[in-house]
PDB file of N, CA and C in Angstrom:
ATOM      1  N   MET A   1       0.843  -1.185   0.000  1.00  0.00           N
ATOM      2  CA  MET A   1       0.000   0.000   0.000  1.00  0.00           C
ATOM      3  C   MET A   1       0.884   1.242   0.000  1.00  0.00           C
ATOM      4  N   ARG A   2       0.474   2.240  -0.742  1.00  0.00           N
ATOM      5  CA  ARG A   2       1.234   3.485  -0.836  1.00  0.00           C
ATOM      6  C   ARG A   2       0.762   4.482   0.215  1.00  0.00           C
ATOM      7  N   THR A   3       1.702   5.247   0.754  1.00  0.00           N
ATOM      8  CA  THR A   3       1.358   6.311   1.693  1.00  0.00           C
ATOM      9  C   THR A   3       0.771   7.465   0.895  1.00  0.00           C
ATOM     10  N   PRO A   4      -0.452   7.892   1.193  1.00  0.00           N
ATOM     11  CA  PRO A   4      -1.048   8.984   0.422  1.00  0.00           C
ATOM     12  C   PRO A   4      -0.586  10.358   0.912  1.00  0.00           C
ATOM     13  N   TYR A   5      -0.126  11.186  -0.024  1.00  0.00           N
ATOM     14  CA  TYR A   5       0.194  12.582   0.233  1.00  0.00           C
ATOM     15  C   TYR A   5      -0.725  13.398  -0.654  1.00  0.00           C
ATOM     16  N   SER A   6      -1.043  14.629  -0.243  1.00  0.00           N
ATOM     17  CA  SER A   6      -1.899  15.459  -1.084  1.00  0.00           C
ATOM     18  C   SER A   6      -1.568  16.926  -0.910  1.00  0.00           C
ATOM     19  N   VAL A   7      -1.887  17.698  -1.953  1.00  0.00           N
ATOM     20  CA  VAL A   7      -1.809  19.159  -1.923  1.00  0.00           C
ATOM     21  C   VAL A   7      -3.207  19.635  -2.261  1.00  0.00           C
ATOM     22  N   VAL A   8      -3.856  20.297  -1.302  1.00  0.00           N
ATOM     23  CA  VAL A   8      -5.226  20.768  -1.503  1.00  0.00           C
ATOM     24  C   VAL A   8      -5.339  22.232  -1.113  1.00  0.00           C
ATOM     25  N   PHE A   9      -6.269  22.927  -1.729  1.00  0.00           N
ATOM     26  CA  PHE A   9      -6.506  24.341  -1.444  1.00  0.00           C
ATOM     27  C   PHE A   9      -7.623  24.463  -0.427  1.00  0.00           C
ATOM     28  N   ARG A  10      -7.431  25.333   0.548  1.00  0.00           N
ATOM     29  CA  ARG A  10      -8.474  25.607   1.536  1.00  0.00           C
ATOM     30  C   ARG A  10      -8.627  27.105   1.693  1.00  0.00           C
ATOM     31  N   PHE A  11      -9.864  27.549   1.682  1.00  0.00           N
ATOM     32  CA  PHE A  11     -10.176  28.954   1.926  1.00  0.00           C
ATOM     33  C   PHE A  11     -10.602  29.092   3.374  1.00  0.00           C
ATOM     34  N   SER A  12      -9.998  30.032   4.053  1.00  0.00           N
ATOM     35  CA  SER A  12     -10.429  30.349   5.414  1.00  0.00           C
ATOM     36  C   SER A  12     -10.603  31.856   5.482  1.00  0.00           C
ATOM     37  N   PRO A  13     -11.349  32.371   6.437  1.00  0.00           N
ATOM     38  CA  PRO A  13     -11.604  33.810   6.507  1.00  0.00           C
ATOM     39  C   PRO A  13     -10.340  34.666   6.562  1.00  0.00           C
ATOM     40  N   ASP A  14      -9.257  34.114   7.105  1.00  0.00           N
ATOM     41  CA  ASP A  14      -8.045  34.914   7.239  1.00  0.00           C
ATOM     42  C   ASP A  14      -6.975  34.638   6.184  1.00  0.00           C
ATOM     43  N   SER A  15      -7.147  33.600   5.353  1.00  0.00           N
ATOM     44  CA  SER A  15      -6.108  33.323   4.357  1.00  0.00           C
ATOM     45  C   SER A  15      -6.590  32.366   3.271  1.00  0.00           C
ATOM     46  N   LEU A  16      -5.812  32.327   2.200  1.00  0.00           N
ATOM     47  CA  LEU A  16      -5.964  31.348   1.129  1.00  0.00           C
ATOM     48  C   LEU A  16      -4.760  30.433   1.276  1.00  0.00           C
ATOM     49  N   THR A  17      -4.970  29.160   1.528  1.00  0.00           N
ATOM     50  CA  THR A  17      -3.875  28.288   1.918  1.00  0.00           C
ATOM     51  C   THR A  17      -3.853  26.988   1.130  1.00  0.00           C
ATOM     52  N   TRP A  18      -2.648  26.580   0.731  1.00  0.00           N
ATOM     53  CA  TRP A  18      -2.418  25.267   0.151  1.00  0.00           C
ATOM     54  C   TRP A  18      -1.884  24.378   1.257  1.00  0.00           C
ATOM     55  N   LEU A  19      -2.556  23.250   1.493  1.00  0.00           N
ATOM     56  CA  LEU A  19      -2.175  22.337   2.564  1.00  0.00           C
ATOM     57  C   LEU A  19      -1.457  21.119   1.994  1.00  0.00           C
ATOM     58  N   VAL A  20      -0.356  20.748   2.630  1.00  0.00           N
ATOM     59  CA  VAL A  20       0.338  19.504   2.317  1.00  0.00           C
ATOM     60  C   VAL A  20      -0.046  18.522   3.407  1.00  0.00           C
ATOM     61  N   SER A  21      -0.610  17.379   3.008  1.00  0.00           N
ATOM     62  CA  SER A  21      -1.074  16.386   3.982  1.00  0.00           C
ATOM     63  C   SER A  21      -0.453  15.026   3.716  1.00  0.00           C
ATOM     64  N   ARG A  22      -0.213  14.287   4.793  1.00  0.00           N
ATOM     65  CA  ARG A  22       0.192  12.883   4.715  1.00  0.00           C
ATOM     66  C   ARG A  22      -0.933  12.100   5.366  1.00  0.00           C
ATOM     67  N   GLU A  23      -1.528  11.199   4.605  1.00  0.00           N
ATOM     68  CA  GLU A  23      -2.745  10.513   5.012  1.00  0.00           C
ATOM     69  C   GLU A  23      -3.789  11.592   5.316  1.00  0.00           C
ATOM     70  N   ARG A  24      -4.251  11.750   6.537  1.00  0.00           N
ATOM     71  CA  ARG A  24      -5.239  12.811   6.811  1.00  0.00           C
ATOM     72  C   ARG A  24      -4.696  13.874   7.749  1.00  0.00           C
ATOM     73  N   THR A  25      -3.371  13.918   7.914  1.00  0.00           N
ATOM     74  CA  THR A  25      -2.732  14.866   8.823  1.00  0.00           C
ATOM     75  C   THR A  25      -2.059  15.977   8.031  1.00  0.00           C
ATOM     76  N   VAL A  26      -2.366  17.239   8.350  1.00  0.00           N
ATOM     77  CA  VAL A  26      -1.729  18.372   7.688  1.00  0.00           C
ATOM     78  C   VAL A  26      -0.284  18.460   8.169  1.00  0.00           C
ATOM     79  N   VAL A  27       0.642  18.445   7.215  1.00  0.00           N
ATOM     80  CA  VAL A  27       2.070  18.498   7.519  1.00  0.00           C
ATOM     81  C   VAL A  27       2.570  19.936   7.470  1.00  0.00           C
ATOM     82  N   SER A  28       2.107  20.717   6.481  1.00  0.00           N
ATOM     83  CA  SER A  28       2.533  22.111   6.346  1.00  0.00           C
ATOM     84  C   SER A  28       1.520  22.894   5.520  1.00  0.00           C
ATOM     85  N   ARG A  29       1.662  24.225   5.567  1.00  0.00           N
ATOM     86  CA  ARG A  29       0.762  25.144   4.856  1.00  0.00           C
ATOM     87  C   ARG A  29       1.592  26.136   4.057  1.00  0.00           C
ATOM     88  N   TYR A  30       1.091  26.506   2.873  1.00  0.00           N
ATOM     89  CA  TYR A  30       1.814  27.430   2.005  1.00  0.00           C
ATOM     90  C   TYR A  30       0.849  28.408   1.352  1.00  0.00           C
ATOM     91  N   CYS A  31       1.346  29.601   1.082  1.00  0.00           N
ATOM     92  CA  CYS A  31       0.561  30.602   0.351  1.00  0.00           C
ATOM     93  C   CYS A  31       0.602  30.321  -1.151  1.00  0.00           C
ATOM     94  N   ARG A  32       1.722  29.772  -1.615  1.00  0.00           N
ATOM     95  CA  ARG A  32       1.873  29.497  -3.045  1.00  0.00           C
ATOM     96  C   ARG A  32       1.788  27.998  -3.317  1.00  0.00           C
ATOM     97  N   LYS A  33       1.035  27.656  -4.347  1.00  0.00           N
ATOM     98  CA  LYS A  33       0.847  26.251  -4.705  1.00  0.00           C
ATOM     99  C   LYS A  33       2.174  25.597  -5.059  1.00  0.00           C
ATOM    100  N   ARG A  34       3.016  26.276  -5.812  1.00  0.00           N
ATOM    101  CA  ARG A  34       4.277  25.663  -6.242  1.00  0.00           C
ATOM    102  C   ARG A  34       5.154  25.274  -5.059  1.00  0.00           C
ATOM    103  N   ASP A  35       5.117  26.070  -3.977  1.00  0.00           N
ATOM    104  CA  ASP A  35       5.881  25.722  -2.775  1.00  0.00           C
ATOM    105  C   ASP A  35       5.302  24.478  -2.105  1.00  0.00           C
ATOM    106  N   ALA A  36       3.980  24.386  -2.075  1.00  0.00           N
ATOM    107  CA  ALA A  36       3.323  23.217  -1.486  1.00  0.00           C
ATOM    108  C   ALA A  36       3.630  21.961  -2.300  1.00  0.00           C
ATOM    109  N   VAL A  37       3.581  22.062  -3.622  1.00  0.00           N
ATOM    110  CA  VAL A  37       3.867  20.914  -4.483  1.00  0.00           C
ATOM    111  C   VAL A  37       5.323  20.486  -4.313  1.00  0.00           C
ATOM    112  N   ARG A  38       6.236  21.441  -4.229  1.00  0.00           N
ATOM    113  CA  ARG A  38       7.651  21.124  -4.043  1.00  0.00           C
ATOM    114  C   ARG A  38       7.867  20.326  -2.746  1.00  0.00           C
ATOM    115  N   GLU A  39       7.256  20.769  -1.652  1.00  0.00           N
ATOM    116  CA  GLU A  39       7.405  20.080  -0.372  1.00  0.00           C
ATOM    117  C   GLU A  39       6.740  18.704  -0.398  1.00  0.00           C
ATOM    118  N   ALA A  40       5.554  18.614  -0.961  1.00  0.00           N
ATOM    119  CA  ALA A  40       4.857  17.326  -1.033  1.00  0.00           C
ATOM    120  C   ALA A  40       5.646  16.332  -1.888  1.00  0.00           C
ATOM    121  N   THR A  41       6.238  16.804  -2.968  1.00  0.00           N
ATOM    122  CA  THR A  41       7.061  15.948  -3.824  1.00  0.00           C
ATOM    123  C   THR A  41       8.283  15.452  -3.063  1.00  0.00           C
ATOM    124  N   ARG A  42       8.921  16.333  -2.311  1.00  0.00           N
ATOM    125  CA  ARG A  42      10.084  15.944  -1.509  1.00  0.00           C
ATOM    126  C   ARG A  42       9.711  14.852  -0.504  1.00  0.00           C
ATOM    127  N   LEU A  43       8.587  15.043   0.181  1.00  0.00           N
ATOM    128  CA  LEU A  43       8.138  14.059   1.166  1.00  0.00           C
ATOM    129  C   LEU A  43       7.790  12.720   0.511  1.00  0.00           C
ATOM    130  N   ALA A  44       7.092  12.779  -0.618  1.00  0.00           N
ATOM    131  CA  ALA A  44       6.686  11.549  -1.305  1.00  0.00           C
ATOM    132  C   ALA A  44       7.899  10.777  -1.819  1.00  0.00           C
ATOM    133  N   ARG A  45       8.891  11.489  -2.338  1.00  0.00           N
ATOM    134  CA  ARG A  45      10.102  10.819  -2.829  1.00  0.00           C
ATOM    135  C   ARG A  45      10.889  10.174  -1.690  1.00  0.00           C
ATOM    136  N   ALA A  46      10.830  10.771  -0.509  1.00  0.00           N
ATOM    137  CA  ALA A  46      11.554  10.235   0.646  1.00  0.00           C
ATOM    138  C   ALA A  46      10.874   8.989   1.218  1.00  0.00           C
ATOM    139  N   ALA A  47       9.599   8.821   0.942  1.00  0.00           N
ATOM    140  CA  ALA A  47       8.866   7.653   1.437  1.00  0.00           C
ATOM    141  C   ALA A  47       9.238   6.424   0.606  1.00  0.00           C
ATOM    142  N   ILE A  48       9.061   5.250   1.178  1.00  0.00           N
ATOM    143  CA  ILE A  48       9.385   4.016   0.455  1.00  0.00           C
ATOM    144  C   ILE A  48       8.443   3.831  -0.729  1.00  0.00           C
ATOM    145  N   ARG A  49       7.150   3.995  -0.494  1.00  0.00           N
ATOM    146  CA  ARG A  49       6.135   3.953  -1.548  1.00  0.00           C
ATOM    147  C   ARG A  49       5.128   5.037  -1.237  1.00  0.00           C
ATOM    148  N   ALA A  50       4.835   5.893  -2.207  1.00  0.00           N
ATOM    149  CA  ALA A  50       3.908   6.991  -1.948  1.00  0.00           C
ATOM    150  C   ALA A  50       3.107   7.330  -3.193  1.00  0.00           C
ATOM    151  N   GLU A  51       1.962   7.948  -2.957  1.00  0.00           N
ATOM    152  CA  GLU A  51       1.109   8.468  -4.020  1.00  0.00           C
ATOM    153  C   GLU A  51       0.843   9.925  -3.686  1.00  0.00           C
ATOM    154  N   LEU A  52       1.123  10.820  -4.630  1.00  0.00           N
ATOM    155  CA  LEU A  52       0.907  12.253  -4.429  1.00  0.00           C
ATOM    156  C   LEU A  52      -0.235  12.707  -5.326  1.00  0.00           C
ATOM    157  N   THR A  53      -1.255  13.294  -4.727  1.00  0.00           N
ATOM    158  CA  THR A  53      -2.402  13.834  -5.453  1.00  0.00           C
ATOM    159  C   THR A  53      -2.393  15.345  -5.300  1.00  0.00           C
ATOM    160  N   VAL A  54      -2.439  16.065  -6.414  1.00  0.00           N
ATOM    161  CA  VAL A  54      -2.477  17.530  -6.399  1.00  0.00           C
ATOM    162  C   VAL A  54      -3.822  17.972  -6.959  1.00  0.00           C
ATOM    163  N   GLU A  55      -4.500  18.819  -6.201  1.00  0.00           N
ATOM    164  CA  GLU A  55      -5.818  19.317  -6.608  1.00  0.00           C
ATOM    165  C   GLU A  55      -5.729  20.750  -7.121  1.00  0.00           C
ATOM    166  N   ARG A  56      -6.720  21.128  -7.913  1.00  0.00           N
ATOM    167  CA  ARG A  56      -6.889  22.521  -8.337  1.00  0.00           C
ATOM    168  C   ARG A  56      -7.632  23.276  -7.236  1.00  0.00           C
ATOM    169  N   MET A  57      -7.754  24.573  -7.398  1.00  0.00           N
ATOM    170  CA  MET A  57      -8.465  25.386  -6.403  1.00  0.00           C
ATOM    171  C   MET A  57      -9.915  24.947  -6.249  1.00  0.00           C
ATOM    172  N   ASP A  58     -10.523  24.428  -7.322  1.00  0.00           N
ATOM    173  CA  ASP A  58     -11.933  24.021  -7.245  1.00  0.00           C
ATOM    174  C   ASP A  58     -12.124  22.625  -6.646  1.00  0.00           C
ATOM    175  N   GLY A  59     -11.032  21.958  -6.264  1.00  0.00           N
ATOM    176  CA  GLY A  59     -11.123  20.652  -5.625  1.00  0.00           C
ATOM    177  C   GLY A  59     -11.028  19.463  -6.560  1.00  0.00           C
ATOM    178  N   THR A  60     -10.975  19.703  -7.871  1.00  0.00           N
ATOM    179  CA  THR A  60     -10.813  18.592  -8.804  1.00  0.00           C
ATOM    180  C   THR A  60      -9.344  18.169  -8.838  1.00  0.00           C
ATOM    181  N   VAL A  61      -9.105  16.914  -9.168  1.00  0.00           N
ATOM    182  CA  VAL A  61      -7.739  16.392  -9.198  1.00  0.00           C
ATOM    183  C   VAL A  61      -7.026  16.908 -10.443  1.00  0.00           C
ATOM    184  N   GLU A  62      -5.867  17.530 -10.246  1.00  0.00           N
ATOM    185  CA  GLU A  62      -5.054  18.015 -11.357  1.00  0.00           C
ATOM    186  C   GLU A  62      -4.154  16.895 -11.879  1.00  0.00           C
ATOM    187  N   TRP A  63      -3.463  16.218 -10.978  1.00  0.00           N
ATOM    188  CA  TRP A  63      -2.638  15.073 -11.354  1.00  0.00           C
ATOM    189  C   TRP A  63      -2.316  14.206 -10.146  1.00  0.00           C
ATOM    190  N   VAL A  64      -1.911  12.959 -10.452  1.00  0.00           N
ATOM    191  CA  VAL A  64      -1.525  11.980  -9.425  1.00  0.00           C
ATOM    192  C   VAL A  64      -0.206  11.363  -9.870  1.00  0.00           C
ATOM    193  N   ARG A  65       0.751  11.258  -8.948  1.00  0.00           N
ATOM    194  CA  ARG A  65       2.043  10.625  -9.229  1.00  0.00           C
ATOM    195  C   ARG A  65       2.297   9.530  -8.193  1.00  0.00           C
ATOM    196  N   HIS A  66       2.970   8.472  -8.622  1.00  0.00           N
ATOM    197  CA  HIS A  66       3.362   7.388  -7.723  1.00  0.00           C
ATOM    198  C   HIS A  66       4.878   7.401  -7.578  1.00  0.00           C
ATOM    199  N   TYR A  67       5.363   7.191  -6.371  1.00  0.00           N
ATOM    200  CA  TYR A  67       6.791   7.152  -6.082  1.00  0.00           C
ATOM    201  C   TYR A  67       7.124   5.825  -5.428  1.00  0.00           C
ATOM    202  N   GLY A  68       8.305   5.316  -5.710  1.00  0.00           N
ATOM    203  CA  GLY A  68       8.738   4.049  -5.141  1.00  0.00           C
ATOM    204  C   GLY A  68       8.664   2.944  -6.164  1.00  0.00           C
ATOM    205  N   PRO A  69       8.884   1.703  -5.715  1.00  0.00           N
ATOM    206  CA  PRO A  69       8.889   0.563  -6.636  1.00  0.00           C
ATOM    207  C   PRO A  69       7.546   0.387  -7.336  1.00  0.00           C
ATOM    208  N   SER A  70       7.606  -0.047  -8.573  1.00  0.00           N
ATOM    209  CA  SER A  70       6.397  -0.315  -9.348  1.00  0.00           C
ATOM    210  C   SER A  70       5.721  -1.572  -8.821  1.00  0.00           C
ATOM    211  N   THR A  71       4.395  -1.602  -8.900  1.00  0.00           N
ATOM    212  CA  THR A  71       3.656  -2.773  -8.430  1.00  0.00           C
ATOM    213  C   THR A  71       3.300  -3.726  -9.554  1.00  0.00           C
ATOM    214  N   GLY A  72       3.457  -3.302 -10.778  1.00  0.00           N
ATOM    215  CA  GLY A  72       3.067  -4.158 -11.892  1.00  0.00           C
ATOM    216  C   GLY A  72       4.112  -4.139 -12.984  1.00  0.00           C
ATOM    217  N   PRO A  73       3.945  -4.989 -13.987  1.00  0.00           N
ATOM    218  CA  PRO A  73       4.905  -5.018 -15.093  1.00  0.00           C
ATOM    219  C   PRO A  73       4.802  -3.753 -15.934  1.00  0.00           C
ATOM    220  N   ARG A  74       5.933  -3.338 -16.481  1.00  0.00           N
ATOM    221  CA  ARG A  74       5.941  -2.155 -17.343  1.00  0.00           C
ATOM    222  C   ARG A  74       5.403  -2.524 -18.716  1.00  0.00           C
ATOM    223  N   LYS A  75       4.676  -1.610 -19.318  1.00  0.00           N
ATOM    224  CA  LYS A  75       4.112  -1.837 -20.645  1.00  0.00           C
ATOM    225  C   LYS A  75       5.123  -1.396 -21.696  1.00  0.00           C
ATOM    226  N   ALA A  76       4.893  -1.789 -22.931  1.00  0.00           N
ATOM    227  CA  ALA A  76       5.757  -1.389 -24.032  1.00  0.00           C
ATOM    228  C   ALA A  76       5.784   0.123 -24.137  1.00  0.00           C
ATOM    229  N   GLY A  77       6.937   0.668 -24.446  1.00  0.00           N
ATOM    230  CA  GLY A  77       7.062   2.114 -24.591  1.00  0.00           C
ATOM    231  C   GLY A  77       7.324   2.815 -23.273  1.00  0.00           C
ATOM    232  N   GLY A  78       7.522   2.075 -22.196  1.00  0.00           N
ATOM    233  CA  GLY A  78       7.855   2.687 -20.916  1.00  0.00           C
ATOM    234  C   GLY A  78       6.667   3.166 -20.114  1.00  0.00           C
ATOM    235  N   ALA A  79       5.461   2.910 -20.572  1.00  0.00           N
ATOM    236  CA  ALA A  79       4.286   3.393 -19.841  1.00  0.00           C
ATOM    237  C   ALA A  79       3.932   2.429 -18.716  1.00  0.00           C
ATOM    238  N   THR A  80       3.453   2.970 -17.613  1.00  0.00           N
ATOM    239  CA  THR A  80       2.930   2.140 -16.539  1.00  0.00           C
ATOM    240  C   THR A  80       1.452   2.449 -16.415  1.00  0.00           C
ATOM    241  N   ARG A  81       0.750   1.699 -15.593  1.00  0.00           N
ATOM    242  CA  ARG A  81      -0.696   1.892 -15.470  1.00  0.00           C
ATOM    243  C   ARG A  81      -1.049   3.353 -15.207  1.00  0.00           C
ATOM    244  N   GLY A  82      -1.850   3.934 -16.089  1.00  0.00           N
ATOM    245  CA  GLY A  82      -2.355   5.278 -15.873  1.00  0.00           C
ATOM    246  C   GLY A  82      -1.378   6.388 -16.191  1.00  0.00           C
ATOM    247  N   HIS A  83      -0.187   6.033 -16.680  1.00  0.00           N
ATOM    248  CA  HIS A  83       0.809   7.056 -16.963  1.00  0.00           C
ATOM    249  C   HIS A  83       1.212   6.995 -18.428  1.00  0.00           C
ATOM    250  N   PRO A  84       1.433   8.145 -19.067  1.00  0.00           N
ATOM    251  CA  PRO A  84       1.869   8.148 -20.456  1.00  0.00           C
ATOM    252  C   PRO A  84       3.332   7.711 -20.548  1.00  0.00           C
ATOM    253  N   PRO A  85       3.789   7.269 -21.719  1.00  0.00           N
ATOM    254  CA  PRO A  85       5.192   6.909 -21.874  1.00  0.00           C
ATOM    255  C   PRO A  85       6.076   8.133 -21.684  1.00  0.00           C
ATOM    256  N   LYS A  86       7.323   7.880 -21.296  1.00  0.00           N
ATOM    257  CA  LYS A  86       8.251   8.986 -21.067  1.00  0.00           C
ATOM    258  C   LYS A  86       8.612   9.640 -22.388  1.00  0.00           C
ATOM    259  N   GLY A  87       9.023  10.902 -22.320  1.00  0.00           N
ATOM    260  CA  GLY A  87       9.365  11.660 -23.512  1.00  0.00           C
ATOM    261  C   GLY A  87       8.290  12.691 -23.785  1.00  0.00           C
ATOM    262  N   ASP A  88       8.653  13.682 -24.579  1.00  0.00           N
ATOM    263  CA  ASP A  88       7.701  14.754 -24.816  1.00  0.00           C
ATOM    264  C   ASP A  88       7.068  14.678 -26.197  1.00  0.00           C
ATOM    265  N   GLY A  89       7.355  13.626 -26.943  1.00  0.00           N
ATOM    266  CA  GLY A  89       6.711  13.446 -28.228  1.00  0.00           C
ATOM    267  C   GLY A  89       7.357  14.202 -29.372  1.00  0.00           C
ATOM    268  N   ARG A  90       8.433  14.946 -29.082  1.00  0.00           N
ATOM    269  CA  ARG A  90       9.110  15.695 -30.140  1.00  0.00           C
ATOM    270  C   ARG A  90      10.141  14.812 -30.839  1.00  0.00           C
ATOM    271  N   ALA A  91      10.523  15.224 -32.046  1.00  0.00           N
ATOM    272  CA  ALA A  91      11.525  14.490 -32.810  1.00  0.00           C
ATOM    273  C   ALA A  91      12.880  14.595 -32.120  1.00  0.00           C
ATOM    274  N   PRO A  92      13.756  13.608 -32.323  1.00  0.00           N
ATOM    275  CA  PRO A  92      15.084  13.679 -31.727  1.00  0.00           C
ATOM    276  C   PRO A  92      15.867  14.862 -32.272  1.00  0.00           C
ATOM    277  N   ARG A  93      16.907  15.268 -31.541  1.00  0.00           N
ATOM    278  CA  ARG A  93      17.677  16.456 -31.911  1.00  0.00           C
ATOM    279  C   ARG A  93      18.781  16.151 -32.923  1.00  0.00           C
ATOM    280  N   ASP A  94      18.736  15.003 -33.585  1.00  0.00           N
ATOM    281  CA  ASP A  94      19.820  14.645 -34.505  1.00  0.00           C
ATOM    282  C   ASP A  94      19.664  15.301 -35.881  1.00  0.00           C
ATOM    283  N   GLY A  95      18.639  16.107 -36.062  1.00  0.00           N
ATOM    284  CA  GLY A  95      18.443  16.810 -37.318  1.00  0.00           C
ATOM    285  C   GLY A  95      17.521  16.088 -38.282  1.00  0.00           C
ATOM    286  N   ASP A  96      17.280  14.809 -38.060  1.00  0.00           N
ATOM    287  CA  ASP A  96      16.374  14.052 -38.923  1.00  0.00           C
ATOM    288  C   ASP A  96      14.945  14.269 -38.471  1.00  0.00           C
ATOM    289  N   SER A  97      14.039  14.316 -39.412  1.00  0.00           N
ATOM    290  CA  SER A  97      12.631  14.395 -39.059  1.00  0.00           C
ATOM    291  C   SER A  97      11.915  13.220 -39.712  1.00  0.00           C
ATOM    292  N   VAL A  98      10.852  12.813 -39.089  1.00  0.00           N
ATOM    293  CA  VAL A  98      10.102  11.661 -39.578  1.00  0.00           C
ATOM    294  C   VAL A  98       8.678  12.098 -39.854  1.00  0.00           C
ATOM    295  N   THR A  99       8.147  11.725 -41.015  1.00  0.00           N
ATOM    296  CA  THR A  99       6.764  12.014 -41.352  1.00  0.00           C
ATOM    297  C   THR A  99       6.005  10.700 -41.373  1.00  0.00           C
ATOM    298  N   VAL A 100       4.857  10.697 -40.730  1.00  0.00           N
ATOM    299  CA  VAL A 100       4.061   9.467 -40.687  1.00  0.00           C
ATOM    300  C   VAL A 100       2.865   9.605 -41.586  1.00  0.00           C
TER     301      VAL A 100
END
């Protein structure tokens, strides 16, 4: 089982806050989302197995990442369950281009 980490937005009368949580415990609070994501990523990478969920301000899930050993076999092209293959889809930098 993976340790769940999350970055969620909470509105309170005195502030707009991004919360970093491990399971259901708030670990830290940030004014900027990027700072919260950076800390949550650091914590998730330090864990043996972790899942990091980042939400948008409206509460919908923006993305989910898994850290630690894979639980299943890797698919062709480097993709794992629910994740796209690595690479950005651009042509290699060797100067050759390919048309399909």
